[in-house]
């Protein structure tokens, strides 16, 4: 294997790890797929070091090491991307390294990674489904039709605000606070207008879209599996994100002079 080929494999492993981290994969999956990708492309060993905001990859071939460090940014969770990368690695593992066809495994891997489908559902459809899910929680909590409708409208508006702020690259903590603020303002109107059987349900249910369940599960899974640094980093991210949401809710209630709030 030429030095240039090992460089390309190293860059491809880094690209694989970054995509997995950015789209919500847990650390075990990131390390495992990076190592399997390197082995499938012919290097002797791949060592992977993870941090909350970066990844380090070292490939070893014939006692020759190449190490690359890259910074990582956070994107929205997209399980489809993770599944696509897993399929690429599985296909490469089935492909012999000494391929006699026109396309080598490395070229095949580069083409597949360049062709990854990063498309997501339309933002308006996501907003409608988020509103519907929060409205279902309001119904399960005992809210009548008016409370359910207010929850749906508030949660959908909050999701649209979150999409707009995220699209313009606002800080995720600011996004969480502003989303909670807008959703709480709208749902609090039911309490101020004294409509519905229990308007407090609408206030509580309209901000359930901000519950960071996926990152929380990943953080606990990372800590239990020995990736303590990135697990603690993800957990603190969840804590601050939750705190930001609470600040947004509190600001909305203070602005509307709602002194008492809670589900009986």
C-alpha atoms as a PDB file:
ATOM      1  CA  UNK A   1       0.000   0.000   0.000  1.00  0.00           C
ATOM      2  CA  UNK A   2       1.360   3.388  -1.013  1.00  0.00           C
ATOM      3  CA  UNK A   3       1.702   6.251   1.458  1.00  0.00           C
ATOM      4  CA  UNK A   4      -0.877   8.278  -0.475  1.00  0.00           C
ATOM      5  CA  UNK A   5      -3.410   5.458  -0.163  1.00  0.00           C
ATOM      6  CA  UNK A   6      -2.884   5.283   3.589  1.00  0.00           C
ATOM      7  CA  UNK A   7      -3.420   9.048   3.771  1.00  0.00           C
ATOM      8  CA  UNK A   8      -6.713   8.714   1.914  1.00  0.00           C
ATOM      9  CA  UNK A   9      -7.831   5.874   4.183  1.00  0.00           C
ATOM     10  CA  UNK A  10      -6.970   7.973   7.242  1.00  0.00           C
ATOM     11  CA  UNK A  11      -8.976  10.908   5.922  1.00  0.00           C
ATOM     12  CA  UNK A  12     -11.872   8.601   5.101  1.00  0.00           C
ATOM     13  CA  UNK A  13     -11.868   7.112   8.619  1.00  0.00           C
ATOM     14  CA  UNK A  14     -11.865  10.635  10.082  1.00  0.00           C
ATOM     15  CA  UNK A  15     -14.734  11.596   7.798  1.00  0.00           C
ATOM     16  CA  UNK A  16     -16.660   8.489   8.873  1.00  0.00           C
ATOM     17  CA  UNK A  17     -16.109   9.227  12.573  1.00  0.00           C
ATOM     18  CA  UNK A  18     -17.027  12.897  12.246  1.00  0.00           C
ATOM     19  CA  UNK A  19     -20.279  12.134  10.436  1.00  0.00           C
ATOM     20  CA  UNK A  20     -21.248   9.551  13.040  1.00  0.00           C
ATOM     21  CA  UNK A  21     -20.507  11.929  15.929  1.00  0.00           C
ATOM     22  CA  UNK A  22     -22.239  14.879  14.295  1.00  0.00           C
ATOM     23  CA  UNK A  23     -25.445  12.988  13.612  1.00  0.00           C
ATOM     24  CA  UNK A  24     -25.898  11.389  17.033  1.00  0.00           C
ATOM     25  CA  UNK A  25     -24.131   8.006  17.125  1.00  0.00           C
ATOM     26  CA  UNK A  26     -22.841   6.765  20.464  1.00  0.00           C
ATOM     27  CA  UNK A  27     -19.097   6.493  20.993  1.00  0.00           C
ATOM     28  CA  UNK A  28     -18.964   2.694  20.760  1.00  0.00           C
ATOM     29  CA  UNK A  29     -20.519   2.789  17.301  1.00  0.00           C
ATOM     30  CA  UNK A  30     -18.125   5.539  16.160  1.00  0.00           C
ATOM     31  CA  UNK A  31     -14.994   3.673  17.260  1.00  0.00           C
ATOM     32  CA  UNK A  32     -16.210   0.310  15.981  1.00  0.00           C
ATOM     33  CA  UNK A  33     -17.151   1.542  12.501  1.00  0.00           C
ATOM     34  CA  UNK A  34     -13.935   3.547  12.098  1.00  0.00           C
ATOM     35  CA  UNK A  35     -11.844   0.480  12.958  1.00  0.00           C
ATOM     36  CA  UNK A  36     -13.874  -1.794  10.693  1.00  0.00           C
ATOM     37  CA  UNK A  37     -13.673   0.701   7.835  1.00  0.00           C
ATOM     38  CA  UNK A  38      -9.887   0.880   8.085  1.00  0.00           C
ATOM     39  CA  UNK A  39      -9.564  -2.907   8.267  1.00  0.00           C
ATOM     40  CA  UNK A  40     -11.843  -3.339   5.255  1.00  0.00           C
ATOM     41  CA  UNK A  41      -9.650  -0.929   3.261  1.00  0.00           C
ATOM     42  CA  UNK A  42      -6.451  -2.782   4.113  1.00  0.00           C
ATOM     43  CA  UNK A  43      -4.650  -1.017   6.975  1.00  0.00           C
ATOM     44  CA  UNK A  44      -3.301  -3.138   9.813  1.00  0.00           C
ATOM     45  CA  UNK A  45      -4.893  -1.162  12.630  1.00  0.00           C
ATOM     46  CA  UNK A  46      -6.973   1.926  13.322  1.00  0.00           C
ATOM     47  CA  UNK A  47      -6.806   3.688  16.674  1.00  0.00           C
ATOM     48  CA  UNK A  48      -9.597   6.138  17.473  1.00  0.00           C
ATOM     49  CA  UNK A  49      -9.697   8.748  20.225  1.00  0.00           C
ATOM     50  CA  UNK A  50     -12.858  10.724  20.885  1.00  0.00           C
ATOM     51  CA  UNK A  51     -13.532  14.011  22.624  1.00  0.00           C
ATOM     52  CA  UNK A  52     -16.753  15.972  22.945  1.00  0.00           C
ATOM     53  CA  UNK A  53     -15.745  18.353  20.140  1.00  0.00           C
ATOM     54  CA  UNK A  54     -13.147  16.393  18.201  1.00  0.00           C
ATOM     55  CA  UNK A  55     -11.798  13.062  16.961  1.00  0.00           C
ATOM     56  CA  UNK A  56      -8.278  11.667  16.551  1.00  0.00           C
ATOM     57  CA  UNK A  57      -7.588   8.829  14.099  1.00  0.00           C
ATOM     58  CA  UNK A  58      -4.317   6.897  13.712  1.00  0.00           C
ATOM     59  CA  UNK A  59      -3.858   4.326  10.963  1.00  0.00           C
ATOM     60  CA  UNK A  60      -0.989   1.815  11.088  1.00  0.00           C
ATOM     61  CA  UNK A  61       0.419  -0.076   8.111  1.00  0.00           C
ATOM     62  CA  UNK A  62       3.885  -1.720   7.925  1.00  0.00           C
ATOM     63  CA  UNK A  63       4.983   0.145  11.083  1.00  0.00           C
ATOM     64  CA  UNK A  64       4.016   3.441   9.444  1.00  0.00           C
ATOM     65  CA  UNK A  65       1.613   5.629  11.402  1.00  0.00           C
ATOM     66  CA  UNK A  66      -0.508   8.513  10.174  1.00  0.00           C
ATOM     67  CA  UNK A  67      -2.414  10.527  12.790  1.00  0.00           C
ATOM     68  CA  UNK A  68      -5.107  13.102  12.061  1.00  0.00           C
ATOM     69  CA  UNK A  69      -7.044  15.322  14.457  1.00  0.00           C
ATOM     70  CA  UNK A  70     -10.281  17.013  13.434  1.00  0.00           C
ATOM     71  CA  UNK A  71     -12.751  19.254  15.254  1.00  0.00           C
ATOM     72  CA  UNK A  72     -16.377  18.183  15.358  1.00  0.00           C
ATOM     73  CA  UNK A  73     -19.544  20.248  15.182  1.00  0.00           C
ATOM     74  CA  UNK A  74     -23.017  19.191  16.267  1.00  0.00           C
ATOM     75  CA  UNK A  75     -25.812  18.685  13.744  1.00  0.00           C
ATOM     76  CA  UNK A  76     -29.379  17.554  14.150  1.00  0.00           C
ATOM     77  CA  UNK A  77     -29.826  13.870  14.953  1.00  0.00           C
ATOM     78  CA  UNK A  78     -30.179  11.855  11.751  1.00  0.00           C
ATOM     79  CA  UNK A  79     -30.302   8.084  12.237  1.00  0.00           C
ATOM     80  CA  UNK A  80     -30.590   7.607   8.465  1.00  0.00           C
ATOM     81  CA  UNK A  81     -27.020   8.881   8.048  1.00  0.00           C
ATOM     82  CA  UNK A  82     -25.734   6.425  10.644  1.00  0.00           C
ATOM     83  CA  UNK A  83     -27.490   3.520   8.914  1.00  0.00           C
ATOM     84  CA  UNK A  84     -26.081   4.538   5.516  1.00  0.00           C
ATOM     85  CA  UNK A  85     -22.533   4.549   6.911  1.00  0.00           C
ATOM     86  CA  UNK A  86     -23.074   1.144   8.529  1.00  0.00           C
ATOM     87  CA  UNK A  87     -24.206  -0.246   5.172  1.00  0.00           C
ATOM     88  CA  UNK A  88     -21.110   1.156   3.467  1.00  0.00           C
ATOM     89  CA  UNK A  89     -18.842  -0.540   5.994  1.00  0.00           C
ATOM     90  CA  UNK A  90     -20.732  -3.837   5.675  1.00  0.00           C
ATOM     91  CA  UNK A  91     -20.469  -3.732   1.865  1.00  0.00           C
ATOM     92  CA  UNK A  92     -16.725  -3.013   2.056  1.00  0.00           C
ATOM     93  CA  UNK A  93     -16.184  -5.914   4.433  1.00  0.00           C
ATOM     94  CA  UNK A  94     -17.757  -8.235   1.858  1.00  0.00           C
ATOM     95  CA  UNK A  95     -15.558  -6.811  -0.922  1.00  0.00           C
ATOM     96  CA  UNK A  96     -12.100  -8.427  -1.269  1.00  0.00           C
ATOM     97  CA  UNK A  97      -9.188  -6.017  -0.831  1.00  0.00           C
ATOM     98  CA  UNK A  98      -7.432  -7.381  -3.928  1.00  0.00           C
ATOM     99  CA  UNK A  99     -10.330  -6.478  -6.153  1.00  0.00           C
ATOM    100  CA  UNK A 100      -9.718  -7.205  -9.840  1.00  0.00           C
ATOM    101  CA  UNK A 101     -12.549  -4.952 -11.036  1.00  0.00           C
ATOM    102  CA  UNK A 102     -12.106  -1.415 -12.302  1.00  0.00           C
ATOM    103  CA  UNK A 103     -13.104   0.095  -8.937  1.00  0.00           C
ATOM    104  CA  UNK A 104     -10.908  -0.563  -5.904  1.00  0.00           C
ATOM    105  CA  UNK A 105     -12.447  -0.745  -2.389  1.00  0.00           C
ATOM    106  CA  UNK A 106     -10.970   2.676  -1.564  1.00  0.00           C
ATOM    107  CA  UNK A 107     -12.472   4.276  -4.677  1.00  0.00           C
ATOM    108  CA  UNK A 108     -15.763   2.535  -3.970  1.00  0.00           C
ATOM    109  CA  UNK A 109     -15.766   3.872  -0.394  1.00  0.00           C
ATOM    110  CA  UNK A 110     -14.998   7.426  -1.538  1.00  0.00           C
ATOM    111  CA  UNK A 111     -17.829   7.303  -4.063  1.00  0.00           C
ATOM    112  CA  UNK A 112     -20.275   5.972  -1.475  1.00  0.00           C
ATOM    113  CA  UNK A 113     -19.367   8.621   1.088  1.00  0.00           C
ATOM    114  CA  UNK A 114     -19.680  11.362  -1.523  1.00  0.00           C
ATOM    115  CA  UNK A 115     -23.130  10.018  -2.414  1.00  0.00           C
ATOM    116  CA  UNK A 116     -24.513   9.972   1.150  1.00  0.00           C
ATOM    117  CA  UNK A 117     -28.094  11.167   1.277  1.00  0.00           C
ATOM    118  CA  UNK A 118     -28.257  13.990   3.838  1.00  0.00           C
ATOM    119  CA  UNK A 119     -31.837  14.961   3.062  1.00  0.00           C
ATOM    120  CA  UNK A 120     -34.346  15.240   5.887  1.00  0.00           C
ATOM    121  CA  UNK A 121     -38.096  15.548   6.163  1.00  0.00           C
ATOM    122  CA  UNK A 122     -39.610  18.948   5.230  1.00  0.00           C
ATOM    123  CA  UNK A 123     -39.506  21.348   8.166  1.00  0.00           C
ATOM    124  CA  UNK A 124     -43.266  21.971   8.021  1.00  0.00           C
ATOM    125  CA  UNK A 125     -43.982  18.251   8.262  1.00  0.00           C
ATOM    126  CA  UNK A 126     -41.618  17.890  11.231  1.00  0.00           C
ATOM    127  CA  UNK A 127     -43.296  20.865  12.914  1.00  0.00           C
ATOM    128  CA  UNK A 128     -46.742  19.328  12.415  1.00  0.00           C
ATOM    129  CA  UNK A 129     -45.637  15.958  13.809  1.00  0.00           C
ATOM    130  CA  UNK A 130     -43.933  17.594  16.798  1.00  0.00           C
ATOM    131  CA  UNK A 131     -47.099  19.562  17.525  1.00  0.00           C
ATOM    132  CA  UNK A 132     -49.166  16.398  17.213  1.00  0.00           C
ATOM    133  CA  UNK A 133     -46.944  14.438  19.593  1.00  0.00           C
ATOM    134  CA  UNK A 134     -47.093  17.182  22.245  1.00  0.00           C
ATOM    135  CA  UNK A 135     -50.860  17.419  21.773  1.00  0.00           C
ATOM    136  CA  UNK A 136     -51.113  13.673  22.389  1.00  0.00           C
ATOM    137  CA  UNK A 137     -49.274  14.099  25.694  1.00  0.00           C
ATOM    138  CA  UNK A 138     -51.689  16.879  26.603  1.00  0.00           C
ATOM    139  CA  UNK A 139     -54.599  14.555  25.891  1.00  0.00           C
ATOM    140  CA  UNK A 140     -53.039  11.776  27.982  1.00  0.00           C
ATOM    141  CA  UNK A 141     -52.602  14.275  30.843  1.00  0.00           C
ATOM    142  CA  UNK A 142     -56.341  14.927  30.831  1.00  0.00           C
ATOM    143  CA  UNK A 143     -56.648  18.026  28.660  1.00  0.00           C
ATOM    144  CA  UNK A 144     -59.829  18.680  26.733  1.00  0.00           C
ATOM    145  CA  UNK A 145     -60.049  19.594  23.050  1.00  0.00           C
ATOM    146  CA  UNK A 146     -59.208  23.277  23.642  1.00  0.00           C
ATOM    147  CA  UNK A 147     -56.112  22.427  25.678  1.00  0.00           C
ATOM    148  CA  UNK A 148     -55.015  19.893  23.065  1.00  0.00           C
ATOM    149  CA  UNK A 149     -55.464  22.464  20.289  1.00  0.00           C
ATOM    150  CA  UNK A 150     -53.481  25.113  22.174  1.00  0.00           C
ATOM    151  CA  UNK A 151     -50.717  22.604  22.836  1.00  0.00           C
ATOM    152  CA  UNK A 152     -50.587  21.661  19.168  1.00  0.00           C
ATOM    153  CA  UNK A 153     -50.365  25.281  18.045  1.00  0.00           C
ATOM    154  CA  UNK A 154     -47.749  26.217  20.651  1.00  0.00           C
ATOM    155  CA  UNK A 155     -45.514  23.206  20.076  1.00  0.00           C
ATOM    156  CA  UNK A 156     -45.680  23.566  16.296  1.00  0.00           C
ATOM    157  CA  UNK A 157     -44.767  27.255  16.540  1.00  0.00           C
ATOM    158  CA  UNK A 158     -41.921  26.427  18.919  1.00  0.00           C
ATOM    159  CA  UNK A 159     -40.542  23.858  16.473  1.00  0.00           C
ATOM    160  CA  UNK A 160     -40.688  26.390  13.636  1.00  0.00           C
ATOM    161  CA  UNK A 161     -38.783  28.889  15.795  1.00  0.00           C
ATOM    162  CA  UNK A 162     -36.185  26.239  16.612  1.00  0.00           C
ATOM    163  CA  UNK A 163     -35.780  25.367  12.933  1.00  0.00           C
ATOM    164  CA  UNK A 164     -35.330  29.018  11.978  1.00  0.00           C
ATOM    165  CA  UNK A 165     -32.731  29.712  14.673  1.00  0.00           C
ATOM    166  CA  UNK A 166     -30.841  26.478  13.998  1.00  0.00           C
ATOM    167  CA  UNK A 167     -30.769  27.209  10.278  1.00  0.00           C
ATOM    168  CA  UNK A 168     -29.121  30.557  11.029  1.00  0.00           C
ATOM    169  CA  UNK A 169     -26.497  28.876  13.269  1.00  0.00           C
ATOM    170  CA  UNK A 170     -27.552  30.282  16.628  1.00  0.00           C
ATOM    171  CA  UNK A 171     -26.022  28.817  19.769  1.00  0.00           C
ATOM    172  CA  UNK A 172     -27.989  25.637  20.711  1.00  0.00           C
ATOM    173  CA  UNK A 173     -28.608  26.961  24.227  1.00  0.00           C
ATOM    174  CA  UNK A 174     -30.058  30.178  22.823  1.00  0.00           C
ATOM    175  CA  UNK A 175     -32.188  28.099  20.472  1.00  0.00           C
ATOM    176  CA  UNK A 176     -33.549  26.031  23.362  1.00  0.00           C
ATOM    177  CA  UNK A 177     -34.311  29.120  25.455  1.00  0.00           C
ATOM    178  CA  UNK A 178     -36.064  30.990  22.649  1.00  0.00           C
ATOM    179  CA  UNK A 179     -38.058  27.913  21.629  1.00  0.00           C
ATOM    180  CA  UNK A 180     -39.250  27.387  25.193  1.00  0.00           C
ATOM    181  CA  UNK A 181     -40.051  31.088  25.505  1.00  0.00           C
ATOM    182  CA  UNK A 182     -42.190  31.211  22.334  1.00  0.00           C
ATOM    183  CA  UNK A 183     -44.008  27.952  23.077  1.00  0.00           C
ATOM    184  CA  UNK A 184     -44.725  29.025  26.670  1.00  0.00           C
ATOM    185  CA  UNK A 185     -45.995  32.455  25.603  1.00  0.00           C
ATOM    186  CA  UNK A 186     -48.552  30.936  23.238  1.00  0.00           C
ATOM    187  CA  UNK A 187     -49.683  28.156  25.566  1.00  0.00           C
ATOM    188  CA  UNK A 188     -49.997  30.602  28.479  1.00  0.00           C
ATOM    189  CA  UNK A 189     -52.669  32.486  26.578  1.00  0.00           C
ATOM    190  CA  UNK A 190     -55.063  29.649  27.405  1.00  0.00           C
ATOM    191  CA  UNK A 191     -54.382  30.222  31.103  1.00  0.00           C
ATOM    192  CA  UNK A 192     -54.818  33.986  30.823  1.00  0.00           C
ATOM    193  CA  UNK A 193     -58.046  33.583  28.852  1.00  0.00           C
ATOM    194  CA  UNK A 194     -59.313  30.854  31.240  1.00  0.00           C
ATOM    195  CA  UNK A 195     -60.149  28.459  28.416  1.00  0.00           C
ATOM    196  CA  UNK A 196     -59.956  24.707  28.594  1.00  0.00           C
ATOM    197  CA  UNK A 197     -60.447  22.426  31.563  1.00  0.00           C
ATOM    198  CA  UNK A 198     -56.818  22.778  32.749  1.00  0.00           C
ATOM    199  CA  UNK A 199     -54.652  25.273  30.822  1.00  0.00           C
ATOM    200  CA  UNK A 200     -51.605  24.318  32.897  1.00  0.00           C
ATOM    201  CA  UNK A 201     -51.450  21.105  30.877  1.00  0.00           C
ATOM    202  CA  UNK A 202     -50.926  23.088  27.681  1.00  0.00           C
ATOM    203  CA  UNK A 203     -47.982  24.992  29.188  1.00  0.00           C
ATOM    204  CA  UNK A 204     -46.295  21.802  30.348  1.00  0.00           C
ATOM    205  CA  UNK A 205     -46.973  19.771  27.212  1.00  0.00           C
ATOM    206  CA  UNK A 206     -45.989  22.417  24.662  1.00  0.00           C
ATOM    207  CA  UNK A 207     -42.316  22.342  25.708  1.00  0.00           C
ATOM    208  CA  UNK A 208     -41.899  18.557  25.704  1.00  0.00           C
ATOM    209  CA  UNK A 209     -40.247  18.843  22.291  1.00  0.00           C
ATOM    210  CA  UNK A 210     -37.191  20.221  24.107  1.00  0.00           C
ATOM    211  CA  UNK A 211     -36.626  17.113  26.234  1.00  0.00           C
ATOM    212  CA  UNK A 212     -33.096  15.956  25.158  1.00  0.00           C
ATOM    213  CA  UNK A 213     -33.768  12.238  25.484  1.00  0.00           C
ATOM    214  CA  UNK A 214     -31.467  10.993  22.693  1.00  0.00           C
ATOM    215  CA  UNK A 215     -28.346  12.893  23.881  1.00  0.00           C
ATOM    216  CA  UNK A 216     -29.077  11.898  27.480  1.00  0.00           C
ATOM    217  CA  UNK A 217     -29.282   8.202  26.586  1.00  0.00           C
ATOM    218  CA  UNK A 218     -26.061   8.487  24.573  1.00  0.00           C
ATOM    219  CA  UNK A 219     -24.245  10.221  27.434  1.00  0.00           C
ATOM    220  CA  UNK A 220     -25.207   7.547  29.949  1.00  0.00           C
ATOM    221  CA  UNK A 221     -24.355   4.792  27.466  1.00  0.00           C
ATOM    222  CA  UNK A 222     -20.918   6.325  26.832  1.00  0.00           C
ATOM    223  CA  UNK A 223     -20.132   6.558  30.545  1.00  0.00           C
ATOM    224  CA  UNK A 224     -21.258   2.987  31.198  1.00  0.00           C
ATOM    225  CA  UNK A 225     -19.127   1.701  28.302  1.00  0.00           C
ATOM    226  CA  UNK A 226     -15.961   3.458  29.460  1.00  0.00           C
ATOM    227  CA  UNK A 227     -15.988   6.618  27.337  1.00  0.00           C
ATOM    228  CA  UNK A 228     -16.079   8.800  30.401  1.00  0.00           C
ATOM    229  CA  UNK A 229     -14.806  12.087  28.942  1.00  0.00           C
ATOM    230  CA  UNK A 230     -17.223  12.322  26.044  1.00  0.00           C
ATOM    231  CA  UNK A 231     -20.022  10.899  28.208  1.00  0.00           C
ATOM    232  CA  UNK A 232     -19.577  13.620  30.819  1.00  0.00           C
ATOM    233  CA  UNK A 233     -19.331  16.234  28.068  1.00  0.00           C
ATOM    234  CA  UNK A 234     -22.594  15.093  26.519  1.00  0.00           C
ATOM    235  CA  UNK A 235     -24.265  14.924  29.915  1.00  0.00           C
ATOM    236  CA  UNK A 236     -23.259  18.500  30.760  1.00  0.00           C
ATOM    237  CA  UNK A 237     -24.537  19.591  27.343  1.00  0.00           C
ATOM    238  CA  UNK A 238     -27.905  18.016  28.216  1.00  0.00           C
ATOM    239  CA  UNK A 239     -27.932  19.705  31.635  1.00  0.00           C
ATOM    240  CA  UNK A 240     -27.220  23.162  30.212  1.00  0.00           C
ATOM    241  CA  UNK A 241     -29.726  22.602  27.417  1.00  0.00           C
ATOM    242  CA  UNK A 242     -32.394  21.740  29.984  1.00  0.00           C
ATOM    243  CA  UNK A 243     -31.433  24.755  32.072  1.00  0.00           C
ATOM    244  CA  UNK A 244     -31.754  27.005  29.018  1.00  0.00           C
ATOM    245  CA  UNK A 245     -35.222  25.638  28.342  1.00  0.00           C
ATOM    246  CA  UNK A 246     -36.196  26.318  31.953  1.00  0.00           C
ATOM    247  CA  UNK A 247     -34.939  29.889  31.675  1.00  0.00           C
ATOM    248  CA  UNK A 248     -37.059  30.411  28.555  1.00  0.00           C
ATOM    249  CA  UNK A 249     -40.178  29.080  30.291  1.00  0.00           C
ATOM    250  CA  UNK A 250     -39.529  31.226  33.366  1.00  0.00           C
ATOM    251  CA  UNK A 251     -39.063  34.392  31.291  1.00  0.00           C
ATOM    252  CA  UNK A 252     -42.357  33.769  29.514  1.00  0.00           C
ATOM    253  CA  UNK A 253     -44.255  33.271  32.785  1.00  0.00           C
ATOM    254  CA  UNK A 254     -42.649  36.347  34.360  1.00  0.00           C
ATOM    255  CA  UNK A 255     -43.473  38.450  31.313  1.00  0.00           C
ATOM    256  CA  UNK A 256     -47.125  37.399  31.467  1.00  0.00           C
ATOM    257  CA  UNK A 257     -47.179  37.818  35.261  1.00  0.00           C
ATOM    258  CA  UNK A 258     -48.194  34.215  35.899  1.00  0.00           C
ATOM    259  CA  UNK A 259     -47.191  33.690  39.514  1.00  0.00           C
ATOM    260  CA  UNK A 260     -48.405  30.143  39.997  1.00  0.00           C
ATOM    261  CA  UNK A 261     -48.088  27.319  37.523  1.00  0.00           C
ATOM    262  CA  UNK A 262     -48.268  23.570  37.701  1.00  0.00           C
ATOM    263  CA  UNK A 263     -50.393  20.530  37.004  1.00  0.00           C
ATOM    264  CA  UNK A 264     -52.610  19.624  39.905  1.00  0.00           C
END
